[in-house]
Amino acid sequence: MYLTMLNEKQKQLFLGVAYFLTKIDGDYSIEEKRMIDSYCYEMQMDFNSQIMNKPIEDIINEMQMACGE
């Protein structure tokens, strides 16, 4: 993928959406964790579920503000 081309804010937002989708069914499986880990590796980021655990509405609002820049 082209995740390395994103800026830091975009990377955080991407991970926020990905994390939200992985836990939407209430089962954060090992496969989903591996997927998140691979995204983090590609983007050279650490994953922090405390930071990424936001309501999707907040993530969407942040995306809208970031797109306005």
N, C-alpha and C. Protein backbone atom coordinates (compact mmCIF):
# COMPACT_ATOMS: atom_id res chain seq x y z
N MET A 1 0.84 -1.19 0.00
CA MET A 1 0.00 0.00 0.00
C MET A 1 0.88 1.24 0.00
N TYR A 2 0.28 2.36 0.04
CA TYR A 2 0.99 3.64 0.00
C TYR A 2 0.91 4.38 1.33
N LEU A 3 0.88 3.63 2.40
CA LEU A 3 0.69 4.24 3.71
C LEU A 3 1.84 5.13 4.14
N THR A 4 3.03 4.88 3.63
CA THR A 4 4.18 5.70 4.00
C THR A 4 4.06 7.11 3.45
N MET A 5 3.20 7.31 2.47
CA MET A 5 3.03 8.63 1.86
C MET A 5 2.14 9.55 2.70
N LEU A 6 1.45 8.99 3.67
CA LEU A 6 0.57 9.80 4.52
C LEU A 6 1.39 10.59 5.53
N ASN A 7 0.86 11.76 5.91
CA ASN A 7 1.52 12.50 7.00
C ASN A 7 1.10 11.87 8.32
N GLU A 8 1.70 12.33 9.42
CA GLU A 8 1.46 11.71 10.73
C GLU A 8 -0.02 11.74 11.13
N LYS A 9 -0.68 12.85 10.90
CA LYS A 9 -2.10 12.96 11.26
C LYS A 9 -2.93 11.99 10.44
N GLN A 10 -2.65 11.90 9.14
CA GLN A 10 -3.38 10.99 8.27
C GLN A 10 -3.14 9.54 8.68
N LYS A 11 -1.93 9.22 9.09
CA LYS A 11 -1.62 7.86 9.56
C LYS A 11 -2.45 7.53 10.81
N GLN A 12 -2.52 8.46 11.74
CA GLN A 12 -3.31 8.24 12.95
C GLN A 12 -4.78 8.05 12.62
N LEU A 13 -5.30 8.85 11.70
CA LEU A 13 -6.70 8.73 11.32
C LEU A 13 -6.96 7.40 10.61
N PHE A 14 -6.05 7.01 9.72
CA PHE A 14 -6.19 5.72 9.04
C PHE A 14 -6.24 4.58 10.06
N LEU A 15 -5.32 4.60 11.01
CA LEU A 15 -5.31 3.56 12.04
C LEU A 15 -6.56 3.60 12.90
N GLY A 16 -7.05 4.80 13.18
CA GLY A 16 -8.28 4.93 13.96
C GLY A 16 -9.46 4.27 13.27
N VAL A 17 -9.59 4.49 11.97
CA VAL A 17 -10.68 3.87 11.20
C VAL A 17 -10.47 2.35 11.15
N ALA A 18 -9.24 1.93 10.85
CA ALA A 18 -8.96 0.49 10.77
C ALA A 18 -9.25 -0.20 12.10
N TYR A 19 -8.82 0.41 13.19
CA TYR A 19 -9.05 -0.18 14.51
C TYR A 19 -10.55 -0.24 14.82
N PHE A 20 -11.26 0.83 14.51
CA PHE A 20 -12.71 0.85 14.72
C PHE A 20 -13.37 -0.31 13.98
N LEU A 21 -12.97 -0.52 12.72
CA LEU A 21 -13.57 -1.58 11.92
C LEU A 21 -13.22 -2.98 12.44
N THR A 22 -12.02 -3.13 12.99
CA THR A 22 -11.64 -4.46 13.48
C THR A 22 -12.42 -4.86 14.72
N LYS A 23 -12.85 -3.90 15.49
CA LYS A 23 -13.57 -4.26 16.72
C LYS A 23 -15.07 -4.04 16.63
N ILE A 24 -15.56 -3.74 15.44
CA ILE A 24 -16.98 -3.43 15.27
C ILE A 24 -17.87 -4.62 15.62
N ASP A 25 -17.36 -5.84 15.38
CA ASP A 25 -18.16 -7.03 15.69
C ASP A 25 -17.96 -7.53 17.12
N GLY A 26 -17.16 -6.78 17.89
CA GLY A 26 -16.92 -7.16 19.28
C GLY A 26 -15.85 -8.22 19.46
N ASP A 27 -15.23 -8.64 18.36
CA ASP A 27 -14.20 -9.68 18.43
C ASP A 27 -12.94 -9.18 17.74
N TYR A 28 -11.99 -8.71 18.52
CA TYR A 28 -10.71 -8.24 17.99
C TYR A 28 -9.80 -9.46 17.88
N SER A 29 -9.89 -10.13 16.73
CA SER A 29 -9.21 -11.41 16.55
C SER A 29 -7.71 -11.24 16.33
N ILE A 30 -7.00 -12.34 16.41
CA ILE A 30 -5.55 -12.33 16.20
C ILE A 30 -5.22 -11.89 14.77
N GLU A 31 -6.06 -12.28 13.81
CA GLU A 31 -5.84 -11.86 12.42
C GLU A 31 -5.99 -10.34 12.28
N GLU A 32 -6.96 -9.79 12.98
CA GLU A 32 -7.17 -8.34 12.93
C GLU A 32 -6.00 -7.62 13.61
N LYS A 33 -5.52 -8.16 14.70
CA LYS A 33 -4.37 -7.57 15.38
C LYS A 33 -3.15 -7.60 14.47
N ARG A 34 -2.96 -8.72 13.78
CA ARG A 34 -1.83 -8.81 12.84
C ARG A 34 -1.95 -7.77 11.72
N MET A 35 -3.16 -7.55 11.25
CA MET A 35 -3.38 -6.57 10.20
C MET A 35 -3.00 -5.17 10.71
N ILE A 36 -3.46 -4.82 11.89
CA ILE A 36 -3.12 -3.52 12.48
C ILE A 36 -1.62 -3.42 12.67
N ASP A 37 -1.00 -4.49 13.16
CA ASP A 37 0.46 -4.49 13.34
C ASP A 37 1.19 -4.29 12.02
N SER A 38 0.69 -4.88 10.96
CA SER A 38 1.35 -4.71 9.66
C SER A 38 1.20 -3.28 9.15
N TYR A 39 0.04 -2.67 9.38
CA TYR A 39 -0.13 -1.26 9.02
C TYR A 39 0.86 -0.40 9.81
N CYS A 40 0.98 -0.65 11.09
CA CYS A 40 1.90 0.11 11.93
C CYS A 40 3.34 -0.06 11.47
N TYR A 41 3.70 -1.27 11.13
CA TYR A 41 5.06 -1.54 10.65
C TYR A 41 5.32 -0.75 9.37
N GLU A 42 4.38 -0.81 8.43
CA GLU A 42 4.55 -0.09 7.16
C GLU A 42 4.66 1.42 7.37
N MET A 43 3.89 1.93 8.31
CA MET A 43 3.89 3.38 8.55
C MET A 43 4.94 3.80 9.57
N GLN A 44 5.67 2.83 10.11
CA GLN A 44 6.71 3.07 11.11
C GLN A 44 6.14 3.83 12.31
N MET A 45 5.06 3.26 12.85
CA MET A 45 4.37 3.84 14.00
C MET A 45 4.17 2.78 15.07
N ASP A 46 4.00 3.22 16.28
CA ASP A 46 3.58 2.34 17.37
C ASP A 46 2.07 2.46 17.49
N PHE A 47 1.42 1.35 17.82
CA PHE A 47 -0.02 1.36 18.00
C PHE A 47 -0.35 1.50 19.47
N ASN A 48 -1.24 2.43 19.77
CA ASN A 48 -1.69 2.64 21.14
C ASN A 48 -3.21 2.62 21.12
N SER A 49 -3.79 1.54 21.62
CA SER A 49 -5.25 1.40 21.57
C SER A 49 -5.96 2.47 22.39
N GLN A 50 -5.30 3.01 23.41
CA GLN A 50 -5.91 4.09 24.21
C GLN A 50 -6.13 5.33 23.35
N ILE A 51 -5.17 5.62 22.49
CA ILE A 51 -5.29 6.80 21.61
C ILE A 51 -6.25 6.51 20.46
N MET A 52 -6.19 5.30 19.92
CA MET A 52 -6.99 4.95 18.73
C MET A 52 -8.44 4.63 19.06
N ASN A 53 -8.75 4.40 20.31
CA ASN A 53 -10.10 3.99 20.70
C ASN A 53 -11.00 5.22 20.82
N LYS A 54 -11.41 5.74 19.68
CA LYS A 54 -12.27 6.92 19.63
C LYS A 54 -13.58 6.57 18.93
N PRO A 55 -14.63 7.29 19.22
CA PRO A 55 -15.87 7.10 18.45
C PRO A 55 -15.62 7.46 16.98
N ILE A 56 -16.25 6.73 16.10
CA ILE A 56 -16.05 6.96 14.66
C ILE A 56 -16.44 8.38 14.26
N GLU A 57 -17.40 8.95 14.97
CA GLU A 57 -17.82 10.32 14.65
C GLU A 57 -16.66 11.30 14.87
N ASP A 58 -15.89 11.08 15.93
CA ASP A 58 -14.74 11.94 16.20
C ASP A 58 -13.68 11.79 15.12
N ILE A 59 -13.46 10.55 14.67
CA ILE A 59 -12.47 10.31 13.63
C ILE A 59 -12.90 10.98 12.33
N ILE A 60 -14.17 10.85 11.99
CA ILE A 60 -14.69 11.48 10.77
C ILE A 60 -14.55 12.99 10.85
N ASN A 61 -14.88 13.57 12.00
CA ASN A 61 -14.73 15.02 12.16
C ASN A 61 -13.28 15.45 11.99
N GLU A 62 -12.35 14.68 12.56
CA GLU A 62 -10.94 15.00 12.41
C GLU A 62 -10.50 14.89 10.95
N MET A 63 -11.03 13.91 10.24
CA MET A 63 -10.71 13.75 8.81
C MET A 63 -11.22 14.96 8.02
N GLN A 64 -12.41 15.39 8.33
CA GLN A 64 -12.98 16.54 7.63
C GLN A 64 -12.14 17.79 7.88
N MET A 65 -11.69 17.97 9.13
CA MET A 65 -10.84 19.13 9.44
C MET A 65 -9.49 19.01 8.74
N ALA A 66 -8.93 17.81 8.69
CA ALA A 66 -7.64 17.60 8.04
C ALA A 66 -7.72 17.84 6.54
N CYS A 67 -8.85 17.50 5.95
CA CYS A 67 -9.03 17.70 4.50
C CYS A 67 -9.20 19.17 4.16
N GLY A 68 -9.62 19.96 5.14
CA GLY A 68 -9.80 21.38 4.91
C GLY A 68 -8.50 22.15 4.96
N GLU A 69 -7.42 21.50 5.38
CA GLU A 69 -6.13 22.19 5.50
C GLU A 69 -5.51 22.41 4.15
